[in-house]
Amino acid sequence: MTNSDDEVRDKILQYFYQIHADGTGTFNGRERGDVAVRELAMQTEFDRVAISRNIEYLVANNLINHIIKNESAQDGSNIKLTKHSYEISDEGLNKILAGQ
């Protein structure tokens, strides 16, 4: 069964809305991209490529925020770690709430 991108995007927005509303996720209202893709793939019949592609679309259209955080490694080395996470934006919240 092929799903339209609109169906995938709606599920993604609902997923990030729920994380925001519950204050859950890896970063209390945010979720790492790899975790979000894995969880959405497990909860739906959508494949990971479609989910990733549509997350990028939602970011480009300001419905989801992409947060990039640079941190030092915890072992004290000079290695810098880049962490990517996502959260629903104000525009995304308004879209979800308008549909309820």
PDB file of N, CA and C in Angstrom:
ATOM      1  N   MET A   1       0.847  -1.183   0.000  1.00  0.00           N
ATOM      2  CA  MET A   1       0.000   0.000   0.000  1.00  0.00           C
ATOM      3  C   MET A   1       0.887   1.239   0.000  1.00  0.00           C
ATOM      4  N   THR A   2       0.630   2.136  -0.923  1.00  0.00           N
ATOM      5  CA  THR A   2       1.399   3.370  -1.016  1.00  0.00           C
ATOM      6  C   THR A   2       0.666   4.473  -0.264  1.00  0.00           C
ATOM      7  N   ASN A   3       1.415   5.211   0.535  1.00  0.00           N
ATOM      8  CA  ASN A   3       0.834   6.311   1.299  1.00  0.00           C
ATOM      9  C   ASN A   3       1.230   7.627   0.663  1.00  0.00           C
ATOM     10  N   SER A   4       0.314   8.567   0.698  1.00  0.00           N
ATOM     11  CA  SER A   4       0.641   9.875   0.160  1.00  0.00           C
ATOM     12  C   SER A   4       1.540  10.619   1.140  1.00  0.00           C
ATOM     13  N   ASP A   5       2.311  11.551   0.609  1.00  0.00           N
ATOM     14  CA  ASP A   5       3.172  12.354   1.477  1.00  0.00           C
ATOM     15  C   ASP A   5       2.344  13.124   2.499  1.00  0.00           C
ATOM     16  N   ASP A   6       1.128  13.532   2.124  1.00  0.00           N
ATOM     17  CA  ASP A   6       0.268  14.248   3.075  1.00  0.00           C
ATOM     18  C   ASP A   6      -0.060  13.382   4.291  1.00  0.00           C
ATOM     19  N   GLU A   7      -0.318  12.093   4.072  1.00  0.00           N
ATOM     20  CA  GLU A   7      -0.594  11.183   5.188  1.00  0.00           C
ATOM     21  C   GLU A   7       0.630  11.041   6.089  1.00  0.00           C
ATOM     22  N   VAL A   8       1.782  10.912   5.473  1.00  0.00           N
ATOM     23  CA  VAL A   8       3.024  10.772   6.236  1.00  0.00           C
ATOM     24  C   VAL A   8       3.271  12.033   7.052  1.00  0.00           C
ATOM     25  N   ARG A   9       3.110  13.190   6.430  1.00  0.00           N
ATOM     26  CA  ARG A   9       3.334  14.464   7.127  1.00  0.00           C
ATOM     27  C   ARG A   9       2.370  14.656   8.286  1.00  0.00           C
ATOM     28  N   ASP A  10       1.106  14.282   8.071  1.00  0.00           N
ATOM     29  CA  ASP A  10       0.134  14.391   9.162  1.00  0.00           C
ATOM     30  C   ASP A  10       0.539  13.536  10.353  1.00  0.00           C
ATOM     31  N   LYS A  11       0.987  12.312  10.107  1.00  0.00           N
ATOM     32  CA  LYS A  11       1.429  11.431  11.202  1.00  0.00           C
ATOM     33  C   LYS A  11       2.659  11.997  11.908  1.00  0.00           C
ATOM     34  N   ILE A  12       3.573  12.549  11.130  1.00  0.00           N
ATOM     35  CA  ILE A  12       4.784  13.135  11.718  1.00  0.00           C
ATOM     36  C   ILE A  12       4.408  14.317  12.607  1.00  0.00           C
ATOM     37  N   LEU A  13       3.545  15.191  12.113  1.00  0.00           N
ATOM     38  CA  LEU A  13       3.118  16.344  12.925  1.00  0.00           C
ATOM     39  C   LEU A  13       2.407  15.886  14.193  1.00  0.00           C
ATOM     40  N   GLN A  14       1.547  14.871  14.072  1.00  0.00           N
ATOM     41  CA  GLN A  14       0.865  14.347  15.254  1.00  0.00           C
ATOM     42  C   GLN A  14       1.874  13.792  16.266  1.00  0.00           C
ATOM     43  N   TYR A  15       2.879  13.092  15.766  1.00  0.00           N
ATOM     44  CA  TYR A  15       3.914  12.523  16.624  1.00  0.00           C
ATOM     45  C   TYR A  15       4.637  13.625  17.405  1.00  0.00           C
ATOM     46  N   PHE A  16       5.082  14.668  16.709  1.00  0.00           N
ATOM     47  CA  PHE A  16       5.803  15.745  17.389  1.00  0.00           C
ATOM     48  C   PHE A  16       4.876  16.584  18.267  1.00  0.00           C
ATOM     49  N   TYR A  17       3.614  16.700  17.876  1.00  0.00           N
ATOM     50  CA  TYR A  17       2.648  17.394  18.729  1.00  0.00           C
ATOM     51  C   TYR A  17       2.489  16.639  20.050  1.00  0.00           C
ATOM     52  N   GLN A  18       2.380  15.311  19.976  1.00  0.00           N
ATOM     53  CA  GLN A  18       2.207  14.514  21.190  1.00  0.00           C
ATOM     54  C   GLN A  18       3.423  14.634  22.107  1.00  0.00           C
ATOM     55  N   ILE A  19       4.612  14.630  21.532  1.00  0.00           N
ATOM     56  CA  ILE A  19       5.826  14.808  22.333  1.00  0.00           C
ATOM     57  C   ILE A  19       5.804  16.172  23.015  1.00  0.00           C
ATOM     58  N   HIS A  20       5.383  17.197  22.282  1.00  0.00           N
ATOM     59  CA  HIS A  20       5.296  18.552  22.835  1.00  0.00           C
ATOM     60  C   HIS A  20       4.255  18.603  23.959  1.00  0.00           C
ATOM     61  N   ALA A  21       3.081  18.050  23.705  1.00  0.00           N
ATOM     62  CA  ALA A  21       1.989  18.107  24.679  1.00  0.00           C
ATOM     63  C   ALA A  21       2.315  17.339  25.951  1.00  0.00           C
ATOM     64  N   ASP A  22       2.984  16.191  25.806  1.00  0.00           N
ATOM     65  CA  ASP A  22       3.316  15.346  26.956  1.00  0.00           C
ATOM     66  C   ASP A  22       4.611  15.759  27.646  1.00  0.00           C
ATOM     67  N   GLY A  23       5.432  16.578  26.960  1.00  0.00           N
ATOM     68  CA  GLY A  23       6.740  16.931  27.509  1.00  0.00           C
ATOM     69  C   GLY A  23       7.669  15.740  27.560  1.00  0.00           C
ATOM     70  N   THR A  24       7.479  14.785  26.637  1.00  0.00           N
ATOM     71  CA  THR A  24       8.312  13.591  26.597  1.00  0.00           C
ATOM     72  C   THR A  24       9.389  13.763  25.536  1.00  0.00           C
ATOM     73  N   GLY A  25       9.969  12.688  25.120  1.00  0.00           N
ATOM     74  CA  GLY A  25      11.036  12.747  24.127  1.00  0.00           C
ATOM     75  C   GLY A  25      12.382  12.787  24.814  1.00  0.00           C
ATOM     76  N   THR A  26      13.407  12.720  24.018  1.00  0.00           N
ATOM     77  CA  THR A  26      14.763  12.709  24.541  1.00  0.00           C
ATOM     78  C   THR A  26      15.082  13.991  25.289  1.00  0.00           C
ATOM     79  N   PHE A  27      14.567  15.110  24.807  1.00  0.00           N
ATOM     80  CA  PHE A  27      14.894  16.413  25.384  1.00  0.00           C
ATOM     81  C   PHE A  27      13.627  17.161  25.824  1.00  0.00           C
ATOM     82  N   ASN A  28      12.682  16.468  26.450  1.00  0.00           N
ATOM     83  CA  ASN A  28      11.456  17.077  26.966  1.00  0.00           C
ATOM     84  C   ASN A  28      10.782  17.997  25.948  1.00  0.00           C
ATOM     85  N   GLY A  29      10.102  17.411  25.002  1.00  0.00           N
ATOM     86  CA  GLY A  29       9.406  18.162  23.964  1.00  0.00           C
ATOM     87  C   GLY A  29      10.132  18.127  22.636  1.00  0.00           C
ATOM     88  N   ARG A  30      11.351  17.587  22.636  1.00  0.00           N
ATOM     89  CA  ARG A  30      12.133  17.401  21.415  1.00  0.00           C
ATOM     90  C   ARG A  30      12.472  15.928  21.291  1.00  0.00           C
ATOM     91  N   GLU A  31      12.805  15.541  20.080  1.00  0.00           N
ATOM     92  CA  GLU A  31      13.225  14.165  19.879  1.00  0.00           C
ATOM     93  C   GLU A  31      14.362  14.115  18.884  1.00  0.00           C
ATOM     94  N   ARG A  32      15.307  13.216  19.122  1.00  0.00           N
ATOM     95  CA  ARG A  32      16.390  13.009  18.163  1.00  0.00           C
ATOM     96  C   ARG A  32      15.805  12.497  16.861  1.00  0.00           C
ATOM     97  N   GLY A  33      16.402  12.897  15.760  1.00  0.00           N
ATOM     98  CA  GLY A  33      15.893  12.517  14.452  1.00  0.00           C
ATOM     99  C   GLY A  33      15.873  11.025  14.222  1.00  0.00           C
ATOM    100  N   ASP A  34      16.943  10.317  14.614  1.00  0.00           N
ATOM    101  CA  ASP A  34      16.986   8.875  14.394  1.00  0.00           C
ATOM    102  C   ASP A  34      15.935   8.154  15.224  1.00  0.00           C
ATOM    103  N   VAL A  35      15.691   8.636  16.440  1.00  0.00           N
ATOM    104  CA  VAL A  35      14.680   8.027  17.298  1.00  0.00           C
ATOM    105  C   VAL A  35      13.296   8.279  16.717  1.00  0.00           C
ATOM    106  N   ALA A  36      13.045   9.500  16.265  1.00  0.00           N
ATOM    107  CA  ALA A  36      11.743   9.840  15.692  1.00  0.00           C
ATOM    108  C   ALA A  36      11.438   8.975  14.478  1.00  0.00           C
ATOM    109  N   VAL A  37      12.410   8.824  13.598  1.00  0.00           N
ATOM    110  CA  VAL A  37      12.197   8.014  12.391  1.00  0.00           C
ATOM    111  C   VAL A  37      11.917   6.565  12.775  1.00  0.00           C
ATOM    112  N   ARG A  38      12.700   6.023  13.693  1.00  0.00           N
ATOM    113  CA  ARG A  38      12.506   4.631  14.120  1.00  0.00           C
ATOM    114  C   ARG A  38      11.130   4.442  14.765  1.00  0.00           C
ATOM    115  N   GLU A  39      10.751   5.345  15.667  1.00  0.00           N
ATOM    116  CA  GLU A  39       9.465   5.230  16.355  1.00  0.00           C
ATOM    117  C   GLU A  39       8.299   5.352  15.378  1.00  0.00           C
ATOM    118  N   LEU A  40       8.374   6.303  14.473  1.00  0.00           N
ATOM    119  CA  LEU A  40       7.308   6.472  13.489  1.00  0.00           C
ATOM    120  C   LEU A  40       7.195   5.262  12.571  1.00  0.00           C
ATOM    121  N   ALA A  41       8.324   4.690  12.185  1.00  0.00           N
ATOM    122  CA  ALA A  41       8.298   3.498  11.336  1.00  0.00           C
ATOM    123  C   ALA A  41       7.662   2.323  12.079  1.00  0.00           C
ATOM    124  N   MET A  42       7.909   2.220  13.387  1.00  0.00           N
ATOM    125  CA  MET A  42       7.328   1.139  14.177  1.00  0.00           C
ATOM    126  C   MET A  42       5.830   1.348  14.391  1.00  0.00           C
ATOM    127  N   GLN A  43       5.387   2.612  14.542  1.00  0.00           N
ATOM    128  CA  GLN A  43       3.988   2.921  14.820  1.00  0.00           C
ATOM    129  C   GLN A  43       3.109   2.914  13.572  1.00  0.00           C
ATOM    130  N   THR A  44       3.712   3.063  12.408  1.00  0.00           N
ATOM    131  CA  THR A  44       2.966   3.174  11.164  1.00  0.00           C
ATOM    132  C   THR A  44       3.489   2.171  10.146  1.00  0.00           C
ATOM    133  N   GLU A  45       2.893   2.163   8.987  1.00  0.00           N
ATOM    134  CA  GLU A  45       3.375   1.314   7.906  1.00  0.00           C
ATOM    135  C   GLU A  45       4.314   2.072   6.972  1.00  0.00           C
ATOM    136  N   PHE A  46       4.707   3.283   7.343  1.00  0.00           N
ATOM    137  CA  PHE A  46       5.570   4.103   6.489  1.00  0.00           C
ATOM    138  C   PHE A  46       7.015   3.638   6.588  1.00  0.00           C
ATOM    139  N   ASP A  47       7.724   3.710   5.459  1.00  0.00           N
ATOM    140  CA  ASP A  47       9.133   3.332   5.495  1.00  0.00           C
ATOM    141  C   ASP A  47       9.980   4.522   5.949  1.00  0.00           C
ATOM    142  N   ARG A  48      11.170   4.222   6.417  1.00  0.00           N
ATOM    143  CA  ARG A  48      12.055   5.240   7.000  1.00  0.00           C
ATOM    144  C   ARG A  48      12.457   6.312   5.998  1.00  0.00           C
ATOM    145  N   VAL A  49      12.609   5.943   4.736  1.00  0.00           N
ATOM    146  CA  VAL A  49      12.979   6.925   3.715  1.00  0.00           C
ATOM    147  C   VAL A  49      11.872   7.960   3.552  1.00  0.00           C
ATOM    148  N   ALA A  50      10.626   7.509   3.504  1.00  0.00           N
ATOM    149  CA  ALA A  50       9.491   8.431   3.371  1.00  0.00           C
ATOM    150  C   ALA A  50       9.380   9.335   4.595  1.00  0.00           C
ATOM    151  N   ILE A  51       9.609   8.773   5.764  1.00  0.00           N
ATOM    152  CA  ILE A  51       9.536   9.564   6.990  1.00  0.00           C
ATOM    153  C   ILE A  51      10.632  10.623   6.995  1.00  0.00           C
ATOM    154  N   SER A  52      11.862  10.235   6.709  1.00  0.00           N
ATOM    155  CA  SER A  52      12.979  11.189   6.689  1.00  0.00           C
ATOM    156  C   SER A  52      12.750  12.298   5.668  1.00  0.00           C
ATOM    157  N   ARG A  53      12.315  11.915   4.473  1.00  0.00           N
ATOM    158  CA  ARG A  53      12.057  12.896   3.413  1.00  0.00           C
ATOM    159  C   ARG A  53      10.992  13.898   3.843  1.00  0.00           C
ATOM    160  N   ASN A  54       9.957  13.416   4.499  1.00  0.00           N
ATOM    161  CA  ASN A  54       8.867  14.301   4.900  1.00  0.00           C
ATOM    162  C   ASN A  54       9.208  15.127   6.132  1.00  0.00           C
ATOM    163  N   ILE A  55      10.079  14.638   6.994  1.00  0.00           N
ATOM    164  CA  ILE A  55      10.575  15.477   8.087  1.00  0.00           C
ATOM    165  C   ILE A  55      11.336  16.662   7.495  1.00  0.00           C
ATOM    166  N   GLU A  56      12.176  16.388   6.507  1.00  0.00           N
ATOM    167  CA  GLU A  56      12.910  17.476   5.840  1.00  0.00           C
ATOM    168  C   GLU A  56      11.952  18.489   5.206  1.00  0.00           C
ATOM    169  N   TYR A  57      10.888  18.000   4.590  1.00  0.00           N
ATOM    170  CA  TYR A  57       9.879  18.884   3.995  1.00  0.00           C
ATOM    171  C   TYR A  57       9.237  19.766   5.078  1.00  0.00           C
ATOM    172  N   LEU A  58       8.870  19.151   6.199  1.00  0.00           N
ATOM    173  CA  LEU A  58       8.224  19.903   7.282  1.00  0.00           C
ATOM    174  C   LEU A  58       9.167  20.938   7.886  1.00  0.00           C
ATOM    175  N   VAL A  59      10.442  20.631   7.970  1.00  0.00           N
ATOM    176  CA  VAL A  59      11.440  21.596   8.454  1.00  0.00           C
ATOM    177  C   VAL A  59      11.538  22.751   7.460  1.00  0.00           C
ATOM    178  N   ALA A  60      11.631  22.434   6.169  1.00  0.00           N
ATOM    179  CA  ALA A  60      11.756  23.470   5.136  1.00  0.00           C
ATOM    180  C   ALA A  60      10.534  24.384   5.092  1.00  0.00           C
ATOM    181  N   ASN A  61       9.386  23.873   5.529  1.00  0.00           N
ATOM    182  CA  ASN A  61       8.159  24.658   5.522  1.00  0.00           C
ATOM    183  C   ASN A  61       7.785  25.178   6.907  1.00  0.00           C
ATOM    184  N   ASN A  62       8.760  25.175   7.809  1.00  0.00           N
ATOM    185  CA  ASN A  62       8.631  25.774   9.147  1.00  0.00           C
ATOM    186  C   ASN A  62       7.545  25.159  10.021  1.00  0.00           C
ATOM    187  N   LEU A  63       7.221  23.893   9.806  1.00  0.00           N
ATOM    188  CA  LEU A  63       6.245  23.223  10.655  1.00  0.00           C
ATOM    189  C   LEU A  63       6.922  22.420  11.763  1.00  0.00           C
ATOM    190  N   ILE A  64       8.195  22.121  11.562  1.00  0.00           N
ATOM    191  CA  ILE A  64       9.026  21.455  12.567  1.00  0.00           C
ATOM    192  C   ILE A  64      10.350  22.213  12.633  1.00  0.00           C
ATOM    193  N   ASN A  65      10.867  22.377  13.843  1.00  0.00           N
ATOM    194  CA  ASN A  65      12.167  23.010  14.034  1.00  0.00           C
ATOM    195  C   ASN A  65      13.252  21.943  14.114  1.00  0.00           C
ATOM    196  N   HIS A  66      14.364  22.200  13.433  1.00  0.00           N
ATOM    197  CA  HIS A  66      15.540  21.331  13.501  1.00  0.00           C
ATOM    198  C   HIS A  66      16.528  22.022  14.428  1.00  0.00           C
ATOM    199  N   ILE A  67      16.831  21.399  15.538  1.00  0.00           N
ATOM    200  CA  ILE A  67      17.734  21.975  16.538  1.00  0.00           C
ATOM    201  C   ILE A  67      19.070  21.244  16.447  1.00  0.00           C
ATOM    202  N   ILE A  68      20.133  22.026  16.307  1.00  0.00           N
ATOM    203  CA  ILE A  68      21.480  21.465  16.251  1.00  0.00           C
ATOM    204  C   ILE A  68      22.226  21.966  17.475  1.00  0.00           C
ATOM    205  N   LYS A  69      22.746  21.040  18.262  1.00  0.00           N
ATOM    206  CA  LYS A  69      23.450  21.381  19.487  1.00  0.00           C
ATOM    207  C   LYS A  69      24.831  20.758  19.448  1.00  0.00           C
ATOM    208  N   ASN A  70      25.847  21.577  19.657  1.00  0.00           N
ATOM    209  CA  ASN A  70      27.228  21.094  19.690  1.00  0.00           C
ATOM    210  C   ASN A  70      27.669  20.942  21.142  1.00  0.00           C
ATOM    211  N   GLU A  71      28.208  19.788  21.458  1.00  0.00           N
ATOM    212  CA  GLU A  71      28.662  19.500  22.821  1.00  0.00           C
ATOM    213  C   GLU A  71      30.029  18.844  22.769  1.00  0.00           C
ATOM    214  N   SER A  72      30.740  18.943  23.869  1.00  0.00           N
ATOM    215  CA  SER A  72      32.009  18.233  24.002  1.00  0.00           C
ATOM    216  C   SER A  72      31.725  16.802  24.433  1.00  0.00           C
ATOM    217  N   ALA A  73      32.589  15.898  24.053  1.00  0.00           N
ATOM    218  CA  ALA A  73      32.453  14.506  24.469  1.00  0.00           C
ATOM    219  C   ALA A  73      32.568  14.426  25.986  1.00  0.00           C
ATOM    220  N   GLN A  74      31.851  13.501  26.583  1.00  0.00           N
ATOM    221  CA  GLN A  74      31.846  13.379  28.038  1.00  0.00           C
ATOM    222  C   GLN A  74      33.128  12.795  28.605  1.00  0.00           C
ATOM    223  N   ASP A  75      33.976  12.238  27.753  1.00  0.00           N
ATOM    224  CA  ASP A  75      35.208  11.633  28.257  1.00  0.00           C
ATOM    225  C   ASP A  75      36.334  12.655  28.435  1.00  0.00           C
ATOM    226  N   GLY A  76      36.027  13.934  28.216  1.00  0.00           N
ATOM    227  CA  GLY A  76      37.011  14.981  28.411  1.00  0.00           C
ATOM    228  C   GLY A  76      37.910  15.225  27.217  1.00  0.00           C
ATOM    229  N   SER A  77      37.738  14.479  26.161  1.00  0.00           N
ATOM    230  CA  SER A  77      38.563  14.681  24.964  1.00  0.00           C
ATOM    231  C   SER A  77      38.116  15.942  24.228  1.00  0.00           C
ATOM    232  N   ASN A  78      38.879  16.324  23.246  1.00  0.00           N
ATOM    233  CA  ASN A  78      38.554  17.511  22.449  1.00  0.00           C
ATOM    234  C   ASN A  78      37.528  17.230  21.359  1.00  0.00           C
ATOM    235  N   ILE A  79      36.943  16.060  21.355  1.00  0.00           N
ATOM    236  CA  ILE A  79      35.981  15.694  20.326  1.00  0.00           C
ATOM    237  C   ILE A  79      34.678  16.460  20.563  1.00  0.00           C
ATOM    238  N   LYS A  80      34.195  17.084  19.510  1.00  0.00           N
ATOM    239  CA  LYS A  80      32.925  17.808  19.574  1.00  0.00           C
ATOM    240  C   LYS A  80      31.838  16.931  18.971  1.00  0.00           C
ATOM    241  N   LEU A  81      30.731  16.828  19.643  1.00  0.00           N
ATOM    242  CA  LEU A  81      29.600  16.043  19.178  1.00  0.00           C
ATOM    243  C   LEU A  81      28.502  16.981  18.704  1.00  0.00           C
ATOM    244  N   THR A  82      27.905  16.653  17.592  1.00  0.00           N
ATOM    245  CA  THR A  82      26.781  17.417  17.084  1.00  0.00           C
ATOM    246  C   THR A  82      25.530  16.581  17.265  1.00  0.00           C
ATOM    247  N   LYS A  83      24.565  17.116  17.995  1.00  0.00           N
ATOM    248  CA  LYS A  83      23.311  16.401  18.240  1.00  0.00           C
ATOM    249  C   LYS A  83      22.191  17.107  17.479  1.00  0.00           C
ATOM    250  N   HIS A  84      21.423  16.310  16.759  1.00  0.00           N
ATOM    251  CA  HIS A  84      20.301  16.825  15.987  1.00  0.00           C
ATOM    252  C   HIS A  84      19.003  16.365  16.651  1.00  0.00           C
ATOM    253  N   SER A  85      18.105  17.295  16.851  1.00  0.00           N
ATOM    254  CA  SER A  85      16.790  16.928  17.356  1.00  0.00           C
ATOM    255  C   SER A  85      15.745  17.790  16.659  1.00  0.00           C
ATOM    256  N   TYR A  86      14.494  17.411  16.840  1.00  0.00           N
ATOM    257  CA  TYR A  86      13.381  18.096  16.192  1.00  0.00           C
ATOM    258  C   TYR A  86      12.286  18.357  17.210  1.00  0.00           C
ATOM    259  N   GLU A  87      11.536  19.424  16.954  1.00  0.00           N
ATOM    260  CA  GLU A  87      10.358  19.725  17.755  1.00  0.00           C
ATOM    261  C   GLU A  87       9.343  20.406  16.859  1.00  0.00           C
ATOM    262  N   ILE A  88       8.101  20.325  17.238  1.00  0.00           N
ATOM    263  CA  ILE A  88       7.061  20.990  16.460  1.00  0.00           C
ATOM    264  C   ILE A  88       7.210  22.501  16.645  1.00  0.00           C
ATOM    265  N   SER A  89       7.026  23.251  15.576  1.00  0.00           N
ATOM    266  CA  SER A  89       7.147  24.712  15.633  1.00  0.00           C
ATOM    267  C   SER A  89       5.799  25.325  16.007  1.00  0.00           C
ATOM    268  N   ASP A  90       5.796  26.628  16.208  1.00  0.00           N
ATOM    269  CA  ASP A  90       4.535  27.328  16.476  1.00  0.00           C
ATOM    270  C   ASP A  90       3.573  27.180  15.301  1.00  0.00           C
ATOM    271  N   GLU A  91       4.109  27.245  14.079  1.00  0.00           N
ATOM    272  CA  GLU A  91       3.257  27.053  12.895  1.00  0.00           C
ATOM    273  C   GLU A  91       2.687  25.640  12.852  1.00  0.00           C
ATOM    274  N   GLY A  92       3.491  24.673  13.228  1.00  0.00           N
ATOM    275  CA  GLY A  92       3.018  23.292  13.280  1.00  0.00           C
ATOM    276  C   GLY A  92       1.934  23.110  14.329  1.00  0.00           C
ATOM    277  N   LEU A  93       2.135  23.739  15.500  1.00  0.00           N
ATOM    278  CA  LEU A  93       1.113  23.685  16.549  1.00  0.00           C
ATOM    279  C   LEU A  93      -0.195  24.295  16.057  1.00  0.00           C
ATOM    280  N   ASN A  94      -0.089  25.448  15.405  1.00  0.00           N
ATOM    281  CA  ASN A  94      -1.305  26.099  14.906  1.00  0.00           C
ATOM    282  C   ASN A  94      -2.021  25.227  13.883  1.00  0.00           C
ATOM    283  N   LYS A  95      -1.272  24.552  13.022  1.00  0.00           N
ATOM    284  CA  LYS A  95      -1.868  23.665  12.016  1.00  0.00           C
ATOM    285  C   LYS A  95      -2.594  22.503  12.690  1.00  0.00           C
ATOM    286  N   ILE A  96      -1.962  21.902  13.685  1.00  0.00           N
ATOM    287  CA  ILE A  96      -2.596  20.776  14.403  1.00  0.00           C
ATOM    288  C   ILE A  96      -3.842  21.248  15.127  1.00  0.00           C
ATOM    289  N   LEU A  97      -3.741  22.342  15.849  1.00  0.00           N
ATOM    290  CA  LEU A  97      -4.865  22.831  16.648  1.00  0.00           C
ATOM    291  C   LEU A  97      -6.020  23.308  15.771  1.00  0.00           C
ATOM    292  N   ALA A  98      -5.715  23.824  14.595  1.00  0.00           N
ATOM    293  CA  ALA A  98      -6.769  24.275  13.672  1.00  0.00           C
ATOM    294  C   ALA A  98      -7.549  23.084  13.126  1.00  0.00           C
ATOM    295  N   GLY A  99      -6.897  21.922  13.049  1.00  0.00           N
ATOM    296  CA  GLY A  99      -7.553  20.728  12.526  1.00  0.00           C
ATOM    297  C   GLY A  99      -8.369  19.975  13.548  1.00  0.00           C
ATOM    298  N   GLN A 100      -8.295  20.371  14.802  1.00  0.00           N
ATOM    299  CA  GLN A 100      -9.040  19.647  15.864  1.00  0.00           C
ATOM    300  C   GLN A 100     -10.418  20.209  16.066  1.00  0.00           C
TER     301      GLN A 100
END
